[in-house]
Protein backbone atom coordinates (compact mmCIF):
# COMPACT_ATOMS: atom_id res chain seq x y z
CA MET A 1 107.24 95.88 167.79
CA ARG A 2 103.89 95.91 167.41
CA ARG A 3 102.89 96.51 163.33
CA ILE A 4 100.27 99.37 163.05
CA THR A 5 97.21 97.72 161.16
CA ARG A 6 94.83 99.50 158.54
CA ARG A 7 92.30 100.22 161.02
CA GLU A 8 94.75 101.81 163.29
CA ARG A 9 96.36 104.30 160.76
CA PRO A 10 94.98 108.16 161.14
CA PRO A 11 93.28 109.24 157.95
CA ARG A 12 94.63 111.53 155.35
CA LEU A 13 92.82 114.32 155.38
CA LEU A 14 93.57 116.37 152.47
CA PHE A 15 94.24 119.47 154.30
CA ALA A 16 96.41 117.89 156.41
CA SER A 17 98.68 116.21 153.52
CA LEU A 18 99.04 119.63 151.99
CA ALA A 19 100.09 121.60 155.31
CA LEU A 20 102.56 118.54 155.66
CA LEU A 21 103.74 118.86 152.54
CA VAL A 22 104.30 122.34 151.98
CA SER A 23 106.02 123.05 155.85
CA LEU A 24 108.42 120.66 154.29
CA ALA A 25 109.14 122.53 150.74
CA GLY A 26 108.56 125.87 152.47
CA CYS A 27 110.57 125.73 155.39
CA GLY A 28 114.24 127.07 155.07
CA LYS A 29 117.19 127.50 157.32
CA PRO A 30 117.18 129.45 160.44
CA SER A 31 119.13 133.00 159.50
CA ALA A 32 122.12 133.84 161.26
CA SER A 33 120.06 136.21 163.69
CA ALA A 34 117.85 133.61 164.35
CA GLY A 35 117.79 132.17 167.79
CA HIS A 36 117.82 128.28 168.44
CA ASP A 37 114.00 128.11 167.61
CA GLY A 38 114.97 129.69 164.86
CA HIS A 39 112.98 132.86 165.36
CA ASP A 40 114.97 136.55 165.22
CA HIS A 41 114.20 137.57 168.45
CA THR A 42 116.41 141.05 167.75
CA ALA A 43 112.86 141.95 165.85
CA THR A 44 111.64 145.56 167.21
CA ALA A 45 108.44 145.98 168.63
CA GLY A 46 105.27 146.02 166.33
CA THR A 47 106.61 144.53 163.97
CA THR A 48 103.98 141.88 162.29
CA TYR A 49 104.67 137.93 162.14
CA GLN A 50 102.78 136.21 159.28
CA CYS A 51 102.47 132.67 157.75
CA PRO A 52 104.50 131.97 154.80
CA MET A 53 101.60 129.55 153.53
CA HIS A 54 98.57 131.34 155.38
CA PRO A 55 99.58 134.86 154.93
CA TRP A 56 96.17 135.92 156.71
CA ILE A 57 97.68 134.14 159.68
CA LYS A 58 99.60 136.80 161.81
CA SER A 59 100.81 137.72 165.74
CA ASP A 60 102.86 139.83 167.03
CA ARG A 61 104.48 137.31 169.16
CA PRO A 62 107.71 135.76 167.23
CA ASP A 63 107.45 132.09 168.45
CA ALA A 64 103.90 132.21 167.18
CA LYS A 65 103.09 129.10 164.74
CA CYS A 66 100.10 128.88 162.17
CA THR A 67 96.87 127.38 163.69
CA ILE A 68 95.93 125.91 160.41
CA CYS A 69 99.13 124.58 159.08
CA GLY A 70 101.42 124.51 161.95
CA MET A 71 104.65 126.44 160.45
CA ALA A 72 106.87 129.41 162.52
CA LEU A 73 105.29 132.54 161.67
CA VAL A 74 108.25 134.64 159.78
CA ALA A 75 108.55 138.40 159.97
CA ALA A 76 106.48 140.36 157.33
CA SER A 77 107.53 144.14 156.48
CA SER A 78 104.56 146.39 156.89
CA ALA A 79 104.25 146.99 153.05
CA ASN A 80 103.79 142.79 153.00
CA ALA A 81 101.23 143.51 156.33
CA SER A 82 99.59 146.26 154.86
CA ALA A 83 99.01 143.85 151.14
CA SER A 84 98.36 141.01 153.20
CA ALA A 85 95.77 142.76 154.88
CA ALA A 86 93.76 142.87 151.89
CA VAL A 87 94.47 139.07 150.84
CA ASP A 88 92.00 137.88 147.84
CA PRO A 89 90.98 133.92 149.39
CA ASN A 90 90.64 133.15 145.97
CA LEU A 91 94.12 133.75 144.85
CA VAL A 92 96.54 130.33 146.09
CA THR A 93 100.02 131.63 145.81
CA LEU A 94 102.87 128.97 145.47
CA THR A 95 106.50 128.81 145.81
CA PRO A 96 108.61 126.69 143.16
CA ALA A 97 108.94 123.90 145.80
CA GLN A 98 105.40 124.21 146.79
CA ALA A 99 104.60 123.53 142.95
CA ALA A 100 106.65 120.78 142.84
CA VAL A 101 105.49 118.56 145.69
CA VAL A 102 101.62 119.54 144.72
CA GLY A 103 102.29 118.71 141.61
CA VAL A 104 100.27 121.26 139.94
CA GLN A 105 99.86 121.10 135.88
CA THR A 106 98.39 123.30 133.62
CA SER A 107 96.52 123.25 130.09
CA PRO A 108 95.30 126.22 127.76
CA VAL A 109 91.55 126.70 126.87
CA ARG A 110 91.43 126.62 122.97
CA ARG A 111 88.37 126.04 120.31
CA GLY A 112 88.04 123.14 118.74
CA THR A 113 85.81 120.19 118.54
CA LEU A 114 83.40 118.84 121.69
CA VAL A 115 82.93 115.30 120.90
CA ARG A 116 80.42 113.22 123.14
CA THR A 117 79.71 109.32 122.87
CA LEU A 118 76.53 108.20 124.15
CA ARG A 119 75.90 104.58 124.93
CA VAL A 120 72.62 103.76 125.18
CA THR A 121 70.15 100.55 125.64
CA GLY A 122 67.18 99.40 123.82
CA ALA A 123 64.66 97.18 122.02
CA ILE A 124 64.56 95.89 118.36
CA ASP A 125 60.25 96.33 117.16
CA ASP A 126 59.04 95.88 114.19
CA ASP A 127 58.18 98.42 111.74
CA ASP A 128 54.49 100.11 112.89
CA THR A 129 53.98 101.03 109.50
CA ARG A 130 54.36 97.93 108.32
CA HIS A 131 52.23 95.99 111.41
CA ARG A 132 49.11 94.63 110.94
CA ILE A 133 45.86 93.92 112.77
CA LEU A 134 43.08 91.85 111.24
CA ALA A 135 40.32 91.50 113.39
CA ALA A 136 36.72 89.75 112.39
CA ARG A 137 34.67 91.65 110.54
CA VAL A 138 31.49 89.44 110.41
CA PRO A 139 30.35 88.04 114.37
CA GLY A 140 30.36 83.60 113.68
CA ARG A 141 32.76 80.60 114.75
CA VAL A 142 36.45 79.82 114.17
CA GLU A 143 35.72 76.23 111.82
CA LYS A 144 40.09 76.40 110.80
CA LEU A 145 43.08 78.05 111.38
CA PHE A 146 45.84 77.47 108.49
CA VAL A 147 48.28 79.08 110.57
CA ASN A 148 47.95 77.67 113.97
CA PHE A 149 51.27 79.58 116.03
CA VAL A 150 53.05 82.79 116.18
CA GLY A 151 56.14 83.17 114.12
CA ALA A 152 54.62 81.71 111.29
CA GLU A 153 55.91 83.87 108.07
CA VAL A 154 52.69 84.08 105.61
CA GLN A 155 52.60 85.91 101.92
CA GLU A 156 50.29 88.26 100.82
CA GLY A 157 46.59 86.59 100.02
CA ALA A 158 47.23 83.41 102.24
CA GLN A 159 44.15 81.88 104.17
CA LEU A 160 44.67 82.43 107.41
CA ALA A 161 41.18 81.12 108.76
CA THR A 162 37.80 80.26 107.78
CA ILE A 163 34.75 81.72 109.74
CA TYR A 164 31.35 80.68 109.73
CA SER A 165 28.51 83.31 110.11
CA PRO A 166 24.91 83.22 109.20
CA ASP A 167 24.95 86.91 108.98
CA MET A 168 27.53 86.56 105.50
CA LEU A 169 25.38 83.51 104.34
CA THR A 170 22.43 86.23 104.48
CA ALA A 171 24.13 89.24 102.68
CA GLN A 172 25.07 86.67 100.08
CA ARG A 173 21.69 85.54 99.85
CA GLU A 174 20.12 89.02 99.53
CA PHE A 175 22.83 89.98 96.84
CA LEU A 176 22.18 87.15 94.79
CA GLU A 177 18.24 87.49 95.37
CA ARG A 178 18.66 91.23 94.16
CA LEU A 179 21.50 90.15 91.75
CA LYS A 180 18.28 87.47 89.63
CA ALA A 181 16.21 90.04 89.87
CA GLY A 182 17.50 92.40 87.83
CA ASN A 183 16.09 95.58 87.12
CA ILE A 184 12.76 95.19 87.51
CA ALA A 185 12.71 94.62 91.45
CA PHE A 186 15.67 96.44 92.37
CA THR A 187 17.37 99.78 91.33
CA ALA A 188 21.47 99.60 90.59
CA ALA A 189 21.76 101.80 93.88
CA GLU A 190 20.19 98.67 95.82
CA ARG A 191 22.20 95.99 93.98
CA ALA A 192 25.31 98.06 94.36
CA ALA A 193 24.48 98.25 97.86
CA ALA A 194 24.41 95.01 98.32
CA ARG A 195 27.51 94.49 96.74
CA GLU A 196 29.05 96.84 98.77
CA LYS A 197 27.67 95.28 102.01
CA LEU A 198 29.49 91.68 101.13
CA LEU A 199 32.68 94.06 100.89
CA ALA A 200 32.66 95.35 104.06
CA LEU A 201 32.18 91.60 105.19
CA GLY A 202 35.19 90.80 104.31
CA LEU A 203 34.60 89.57 100.60
CA THR A 204 37.02 90.14 97.75
CA GLU A 205 36.31 91.51 94.68
CA GLU A 206 37.50 88.48 93.40
CA GLU A 207 35.13 86.01 95.43
CA ILE A 208 32.26 88.15 94.62
CA THR A 209 32.96 87.24 90.72
CA ILE A 210 32.73 83.57 91.64
CA LEU A 211 29.53 84.51 93.74
CA GLU A 212 28.30 86.12 90.76
CA ASN A 213 28.97 82.82 88.59
CA THR A 214 28.19 79.94 90.74
CA ARG A 215 24.79 81.58 92.26
CA GLN A 216 26.17 79.31 95.36
CA ALA A 217 25.68 81.16 98.84
CA THR A 218 27.88 80.24 101.43
CA ALA A 219 28.28 81.51 105.03
CA MET A 220 32.34 80.89 105.34
CA VAL A 221 34.40 83.37 105.55
CA THR A 222 38.16 83.26 104.64
CA MET A 223 40.25 85.34 106.50
CA ARG A 224 43.82 86.17 103.84
CA ALA A 225 47.01 88.22 104.84
CA PRO A 226 46.79 91.68 103.45
CA MET A 227 50.56 91.41 103.49
CA SER A 228 53.53 89.06 103.73
CA GLY A 229 55.16 89.34 106.88
CA THR A 230 55.36 87.46 110.72
CA VAL A 231 52.34 86.17 112.65
CA VAL A 232 53.59 88.20 115.39
CA ALA A 233 50.25 87.40 117.76
CA ARG A 234 46.79 85.14 117.63
CA GLY A 235 43.84 85.29 119.70
CA ALA A 236 41.28 82.83 118.03
CA TYR A 237 41.49 79.43 118.29
CA GLU A 238 39.61 76.79 115.92
CA GLY A 239 36.09 76.53 117.25
CA LYS A 240 36.15 80.00 119.61
CA TYR A 241 33.43 82.11 119.15
CA VAL A 242 33.61 85.27 118.03
CA GLU A 243 31.94 88.86 117.20
CA ALA A 244 32.78 91.77 114.81
CA LYS A 245 35.80 93.99 115.57
CA ASP A 246 37.58 90.81 117.72
CA GLU A 247 40.95 90.83 116.86
CA ILE A 248 42.51 87.55 115.05
CA PHE A 249 45.66 87.86 114.01
CA GLN A 250 48.74 90.41 114.03
CA ILE A 251 51.33 90.66 111.61
CA GLY A 252 54.32 92.77 110.93
CA ASP A 253 56.93 93.14 108.17
CA PHE A 254 60.11 92.03 109.56
CA SER A 255 62.33 92.87 106.69
CA ARG A 256 62.55 96.11 108.41
CA MET A 257 63.18 96.79 111.97
CA TRP A 258 63.24 99.15 114.50
CA PHE A 259 66.13 99.94 117.00
CA VAL A 260 64.17 102.29 119.83
CA PHE A 261 65.88 103.63 122.64
CA ASP A 262 65.21 106.01 125.42
CA ALA A 263 67.46 109.24 125.26
CA ALA A 264 67.66 111.30 129.19
CA GLU A 265 66.52 115.05 128.73
CA PRO A 266 70.06 116.11 128.13
CA ASP A 267 71.35 113.41 126.14
CA LEU A 268 68.54 115.37 123.63
CA ALA A 269 70.98 118.26 122.80
CA TRP A 270 73.19 115.76 121.07
CA LEU A 271 70.95 114.13 119.04
CA ARG A 272 69.81 114.85 115.71
CA VAL A 273 67.78 113.29 112.66
CA GLY A 274 70.22 112.16 110.35
CA GLN A 275 73.02 110.98 113.11
CA SER A 276 74.58 107.76 112.82
CA VAL A 277 74.15 105.12 115.05
CA GLU A 278 76.42 101.97 115.18
CA VAL A 279 73.97 98.91 116.89
CA VAL A 280 75.31 95.57 118.37
CA VAL A 281 72.99 92.98 119.30
CA PRO A 282 74.08 89.54 121.38
CA SER A 283 72.62 87.12 118.64
CA LEU A 284 75.15 88.62 116.32
CA PRO A 285 78.46 88.73 118.08
CA GLY A 286 81.31 90.75 116.10
CA LYS A 287 78.96 92.26 113.80
CA VAL A 288 78.18 96.63 114.26
CA LEU A 289 75.06 97.62 112.13
CA THR A 290 75.17 101.19 111.12
CA ALA A 291 71.62 102.92 110.33
CA PRO A 292 71.30 106.85 111.12
CA ILE A 293 68.26 108.33 113.61
CA ALA A 294 64.83 108.36 111.65
CA PHE A 295 63.03 109.94 114.64
CA ILE A 296 62.93 111.66 117.62
CA ASP A 297 59.61 111.65 119.39
CA PRO A 298 58.87 115.49 121.04
CA ASN A 299 56.97 114.43 123.36
CA LEU A 300 58.89 113.10 126.76
CA ASN A 301 57.35 109.93 129.20
CA GLU A 302 56.07 111.97 132.10
CA THR A 303 57.98 109.18 134.59
CA THR A 304 60.80 108.62 133.01
CA ARG A 305 61.30 111.91 131.46
CA THR A 306 63.03 110.54 128.86
CA ALA A 307 62.15 110.61 124.79
CA LYS A 308 61.85 107.69 122.26
CA VAL A 309 64.83 107.55 119.45
CA ARG A 310 63.98 105.66 116.28
CA VAL A 311 66.64 103.83 113.92
CA VAL A 312 65.38 102.22 111.15
CA LEU A 313 67.33 99.01 110.34
CA ASP A 314 66.84 97.02 107.25
CA ASN A 315 66.76 93.10 107.93
CA PRO A 316 66.25 91.38 104.68
CA ASP A 317 68.15 87.63 106.25
CA ARG A 318 65.27 87.84 109.63
CA LEU A 319 68.84 88.22 111.40
CA LEU A 320 67.13 90.83 113.88
CA ARG A 321 64.72 88.85 116.26
CA HIS A 322 61.62 90.85 117.17
CA ARG A 323 61.91 92.75 120.68
CA GLN A 324 65.56 91.48 121.20
CA THR A 325 68.07 94.03 123.44
CA ALA A 326 70.17 95.98 121.31
CA TYR A 327 73.43 98.31 122.55
CA ALA A 328 74.45 101.69 120.28
CA SER A 329 76.54 104.31 120.31
CA VAL A 330 76.25 107.76 118.61
CA VAL A 331 79.13 109.81 118.77
CA ALA A 332 78.05 113.47 118.54
CA GLU A 333 80.30 116.71 116.84
CA SER A 334 79.83 119.97 118.16
CA LEU A 335 82.15 122.03 115.84
CA ASP A 336 84.54 125.09 116.90
CA ALA A 337 83.80 125.06 120.36
CA LEU A 338 85.21 126.99 123.72
CA LEU A 339 86.88 123.93 125.17
CA VAL A 340 88.20 123.82 128.72
CA PRO A 341 89.32 120.00 129.76
CA ARG A 342 86.86 118.30 132.33
CA THR A 343 89.82 117.52 134.76
CA ALA A 344 90.09 121.09 135.26
CA VAL A 345 86.29 121.42 136.28
CA LEU A 346 84.86 121.69 139.79
CA GLN A 347 81.85 121.29 141.15
CA HIS A 348 80.31 123.36 144.19
CA SER A 349 76.90 123.11 144.76
CA GLY A 350 76.39 122.26 141.12
CA ARG A 351 78.45 125.62 140.24
CA ALA A 352 81.50 124.89 138.35
CA VAL A 353 84.63 126.30 138.89
CA VAL A 354 88.34 126.53 137.69
CA PHE A 355 91.27 127.46 138.57
CA VAL A 356 93.33 129.88 136.26
CA ASP A 357 97.43 130.21 136.23
CA ARG A 358 97.89 133.76 136.54
CA GLY A 359 101.74 133.12 136.54
CA ASN A 360 104.87 132.88 139.25
CA HIS A 361 102.91 129.77 140.76
CA THR A 362 99.90 132.17 141.36
CA TYR A 363 96.61 130.42 140.65
CA ALA A 364 92.70 132.32 141.20
CA ALA A 365 89.46 130.84 141.42
CA ARG A 366 87.09 131.44 138.65
CA GLU A 367 83.47 130.55 138.40
CA ILE A 368 82.31 129.52 134.40
CA ALA A 369 79.38 128.41 132.20
CA LEU A 370 79.32 125.51 131.19
CA GLY A 371 77.84 123.94 127.88
CA ARG A 372 77.54 120.49 127.07
CA THR A 373 79.90 118.24 128.55
CA GLY A 374 82.03 115.87 126.12
CA ASP A 375 84.00 112.77 126.68
CA THR A 376 87.08 114.41 127.77
CA ASP A 377 86.21 118.44 127.19
CA ALA A 378 83.31 120.62 128.29
CA GLU A 379 81.78 123.28 126.29
CA VAL A 380 82.43 126.91 128.01
CA VAL A 381 79.83 129.41 127.34
CA SER A 382 81.30 132.50 129.54
CA GLY A 383 83.71 132.97 132.19
CA LEU A 384 87.08 131.87 130.29
CA LYS A 385 88.81 133.15 126.99
CA GLU A 386 90.55 130.92 124.36
CA GLY A 387 94.76 130.56 125.71
CA ASP A 388 93.69 130.97 129.50
CA GLN A 389 95.88 128.38 131.52
CA VAL A 390 93.56 126.65 133.82
CA VAL A 391 94.73 124.14 136.50
CA THR A 392 93.83 120.06 135.28
CA GLU A 393 95.40 118.18 138.07
CA GLY A 394 96.33 120.19 141.56
CA ALA A 395 93.19 121.93 141.31
CA LEU A 396 91.39 119.88 143.89
CA VAL A 397 94.21 120.92 146.57
CA LEU A 398 94.05 124.48 145.37
CA ASP A 399 90.18 124.58 145.96
CA GLY A 400 91.04 123.29 149.47
CA GLN A 401 92.91 125.71 150.51
CA ALA A 402 91.22 128.31 149.18
CA GLN A 403 88.73 126.98 151.19
CA LEU A 404 90.56 127.18 153.98
CA ALA A 405 91.13 130.77 153.19
CA HIS A 406 87.46 131.61 152.98
CA ALA A 407 86.95 130.03 156.32
CA ALA A 408 90.09 132.45 157.48
CA VAL A 409 89.02 135.53 156.64
CA GLY A 410 85.09 135.43 157.07
CA ALA A 411 84.23 135.65 153.71
CA GLY A 412 81.19 133.18 153.91
CA ALA A 413 80.21 131.37 151.15
CA HIS A 414 82.63 129.80 148.49
CA ASP A 415 82.11 132.81 146.00
CA HIS A 416 84.29 132.43 143.03
CA GLY A 417 82.87 135.49 141.09
CA ALA A 418 79.94 133.62 139.45
CA ALA A 419 80.00 133.85 135.72
CA ALA A 420 76.64 135.52 134.58
CA PRO A 421 74.32 132.76 132.41
CA GLN A 422 73.52 133.36 128.87
CA LYS A 423 70.14 134.48 129.22
CA ILE A 424 67.75 133.74 125.97
CA SER A 425 64.87 135.48 125.12
CA VAL A 426 61.77 133.32 123.80
CA GLU A 427 59.22 135.33 125.06
CA VAL A 428 56.96 136.30 122.00
CA PRO A 429 57.74 139.32 120.24
CA LYS A 430 54.80 141.63 120.29
CA PRO A 431 54.47 144.08 117.22
CA ASP A 432 55.45 148.15 117.44
CA ALA A 433 53.33 150.66 115.81
CA ALA A 434 54.15 149.85 112.11
CA ALA A 435 53.15 146.51 112.35
CA TYR A 436 49.94 147.45 114.03
CA ALA A 437 49.29 150.24 111.35
CA ALA A 438 49.90 147.23 108.61
CA LEU A 439 47.76 144.89 110.45
CA LYS A 440 44.94 147.77 110.58
CA THR A 441 45.31 147.54 106.73
CA LEU A 442 44.94 144.89 106.25
CA ALA A 443 41.59 143.89 108.53
CA PHE A 444 39.66 146.71 106.61
CA ALA A 445 40.67 145.00 103.09
CA ALA A 446 39.07 141.89 104.26
CA ALA A 447 36.08 143.78 105.88
CA ASP A 448 35.73 145.03 102.17
CA ALA A 449 36.19 141.09 100.63
CA ALA A 450 33.68 139.96 103.25
CA ASP A 451 31.09 142.89 102.36
CA LEU A 452 31.28 141.73 98.25
CA LEU A 453 31.26 138.04 99.30
CA ALA A 454 27.95 138.57 101.37
CA SER A 455 26.67 140.49 98.53
CA ASP A 456 27.65 137.49 95.88
CA ASN A 457 29.86 139.65 94.13
CA LEU A 458 32.52 137.54 92.10
CA ALA A 459 33.91 140.57 90.01
CA GLY A 460 33.71 143.03 92.78
CA TYR A 461 36.00 140.22 95.15
CA GLN A 462 38.44 139.33 92.46
CA LYS A 463 38.77 143.48 92.02
CA GLN A 464 39.37 143.72 96.01
CA LEU A 465 42.07 140.45 96.08
CA PRO A 466 44.87 142.28 95.14
CA ALA A 467 44.91 145.08 97.68
CA LEU A 468 44.22 142.71 100.17
CA ARG A 469 47.19 140.53 99.13
CA ASP A 470 49.31 143.72 99.08
CA ALA A 471 48.02 144.25 102.48
CA LEU A 472 48.63 140.70 104.22
CA THR A 473 52.64 140.99 101.89
CA ALA A 474 52.80 144.76 103.59
CA TYR A 475 51.80 143.15 107.33
CA VAL A 476 54.42 140.01 107.04
CA ALA A 477 57.16 142.53 105.56
CA ALA A 478 56.27 144.98 108.93
CA PHE A 479 56.35 142.01 111.75
CA PRO A 480 58.05 139.41 110.03
CA SER A 481 57.59 137.17 113.20
CA ALA A 482 53.86 136.80 111.08
CA ALA A 483 55.92 135.21 108.87
CA GLY A 484 55.37 131.40 110.49
CA THR A 485 51.73 132.19 111.58
CA PRO A 486 49.18 130.01 109.46
CA LEU A 487 47.80 133.29 108.56
CA ALA A 488 50.54 133.95 106.18
CA LYS A 489 50.43 129.98 104.41
CA LEU A 490 46.86 130.51 103.43
CA LYS A 491 45.97 131.42 100.03
CA LEU A 492 43.65 133.37 98.61
CA ALA A 493 41.39 131.71 95.48
CA ASP A 494 40.45 134.44 92.97
CA GLY A 495 37.91 131.31 91.30
CA PRO A 496 36.76 129.89 89.48
CA ASP A 497 33.41 130.31 91.14
CA LEU A 498 31.71 132.08 94.00
CA ASP A 499 32.01 128.62 96.09
CA ALA A 500 35.58 128.10 95.73
CA VAL A 501 36.93 131.62 96.49
CA ARG A 502 34.23 131.79 99.62
CA ARG A 503 35.95 128.31 100.56
CA ALA A 504 39.51 129.60 100.28
CA PHE A 505 38.66 133.06 102.46
CA GLU A 506 36.91 131.20 105.10
CA PRO A 507 39.92 130.34 106.69
CA PHE A 508 41.85 133.27 106.36
CA SER A 509 39.06 135.50 107.51
CA THR A 510 39.12 133.68 110.42
CA GLU A 511 42.62 133.23 111.65
CA LEU A 512 42.56 137.45 110.48
CA ALA A 513 39.42 137.69 113.21
CA ASP A 514 41.26 135.99 115.61
CA LEU A 515 44.69 138.12 115.20
CA VAL A 516 42.45 140.92 115.49
CA LYS A 517 40.36 140.20 118.25
CA ALA A 518 43.63 139.28 120.19
CA GLN A 519 45.24 142.60 119.91
CA HIS A 520 41.44 144.57 120.35
CA LEU A 521 42.01 146.27 117.33
CA HIS A 522 38.68 146.15 116.54
CA HIS A 523 37.43 147.82 119.85
CA GLN A 524 39.56 150.78 118.52
CA GLU A 525 39.40 151.17 115.42
CA GLY A 526 35.66 150.03 115.20
CA LEU A 527 35.53 146.66 113.50
CA THR A 528 32.90 144.19 114.41
CA ILE A 529 33.71 140.17 114.50
CA TYR A 530 30.82 137.86 113.72
CA GLN A 531 31.01 134.40 113.73
CA CYS A 532 29.09 131.51 112.08
CA PRO A 533 28.75 128.27 113.57
CA MET A 534 27.77 126.61 110.78
CA ALA A 535 30.46 127.44 108.24
CA PRO A 536 30.59 125.01 105.53
CA VAL A 537 35.06 124.89 105.45
CA LEU A 538 36.21 125.28 110.00
CA GLY A 539 32.49 124.26 111.11
CA THR A 540 32.57 127.82 113.01
CA GLY A 541 34.27 130.97 110.92
CA ARG A 542 34.63 134.26 111.63
CA TRP A 543 35.15 137.74 109.71
CA LEU A 544 34.99 141.29 109.69
CA SER A 545 32.83 143.99 109.30
CA LYS A 546 32.66 147.67 109.00
CA GLY A 547 29.48 147.91 110.04
CA LYS A 548 26.86 146.40 112.70
CA THR A 549 24.84 144.86 109.59
CA LEU A 550 24.83 140.85 109.96
CA ARG A 551 25.97 139.80 106.22
CA ASN A 552 27.20 136.08 106.07
CA PRO A 553 30.17 136.11 103.23
CA PHE A 554 30.40 132.34 103.56
CA PHE A 555 27.10 131.54 102.43
CA GLY A 556 26.01 135.36 100.86
CA SER A 557 22.05 135.65 99.62
CA ALA A 558 21.27 131.96 100.99
CA MET A 559 22.02 132.40 104.48
CA LEU A 560 22.82 135.98 104.49
CA GLU A 561 21.82 136.76 108.51
CA CYS A 562 23.29 133.73 109.70
CA GLY A 563 25.77 134.33 112.54
CA GLU A 564 26.13 136.39 115.82
CA GLU A 565 28.27 139.39 116.94
CA ILE A 566 31.14 138.46 119.09
CA GLU A 567 32.98 140.68 121.22
């Protein structure tokens, strides 16, 4: 006998296998009144025959077979026939034998802790807050490099390079000339300016003191390390001519390193600052470094759609290498979530579907809305309740049966009764009548205060200030969303002088004027908004006025008519 190869075997179609299994399990022995072919030919006229597996397959012929599974049709009572006429294609009913063959298993929907383990790959980098770039402060030629290779350890104040600079020589001679001439030829301010110039060119206070004592000018500029660390980059060699601002060295402090990795958008829901991270590097086998998340970048990369996440690692022994690859795992937990096993969830065109046990081996397909997905469970937002029994094994077989049912009854799309998604309003709240009235009171109080400042009336402003503060408090109480705005956080001063009061009033007045303008309150209540293009604090400040006369509260009588009306 020729052996059948794997290529010659027919494909094992899921639905065909189910039909075969159910046929074997569901076909019983023929009744005594049946003929030799297993059908009862004594049935009265008008009897309806249907498939025990697919009850919507019907025929008036007693010898007909199911067009799906090939089973013989059996006689159905009129009650069963009328019931089957309205069969729900989302319901799948099995006999005990069929359920045993299919191997259906269920698990309850429960409340518990949703656990998700994120595994990421990143890189070890130096701490940006401890990274320094050393640039030439004067043009010249690099005479000597005391550190001439990348990776060298340097101490704070150590010599790194010497630059020959004629500009430095000129500046030192100018300083010595003014120092020798004294108060007779140069003022103290001119001598101080010459000293500041040397500091700007890179000399230290100690080197200037030596220059004052020796009175010997030199063209050599010594570049020193501003901090202890490791040389990360070098941009010059001996003999190279450099210009001011040319980069010579970069120094990083490797005693503390950053582990930086990219987090995808869906993973950001699991991450938070302070969450513990376990980091593993290939150069330290068998060691796991643990540290919390220090920062999550709120800006996503436009190309990769990921956000940078930073973990700060202590590195006193310099065991972590700069820019080496590292791997990490983050175990995230969400307490008191409604959980469904992931094995119970099927996906249909992006929709999550589960089969719920209705009892008596009846299973109903139901669409649900999912939240976050954990390692073994998924969070249920809607569609299920605690205690529901969902199918965790055999769901694919049931889903295939339901799809065949939909096709047979012409139900169209595989509709499982969509679960409504949770809707969260992110609309900016709008003020109601009470909030509008409170804002009106605040606007008029601010207009009165602005008029008092324009009149240089500090005592009158101090008397008006409590009413202005009370109006602001009342507005925040009537419109709680305003509590987080800059207007509510600004502090109004009552002294010690008119200048201090105006400097505190300007940002407050500008924010309030912008708010009034956005709500068109000035048009409805007869207020005027003026703008000063030379405001001392913001550069451009605005204020409210009850009249049409321009009176600048930020300068008062000094520049009373500085400004213009804006719509």
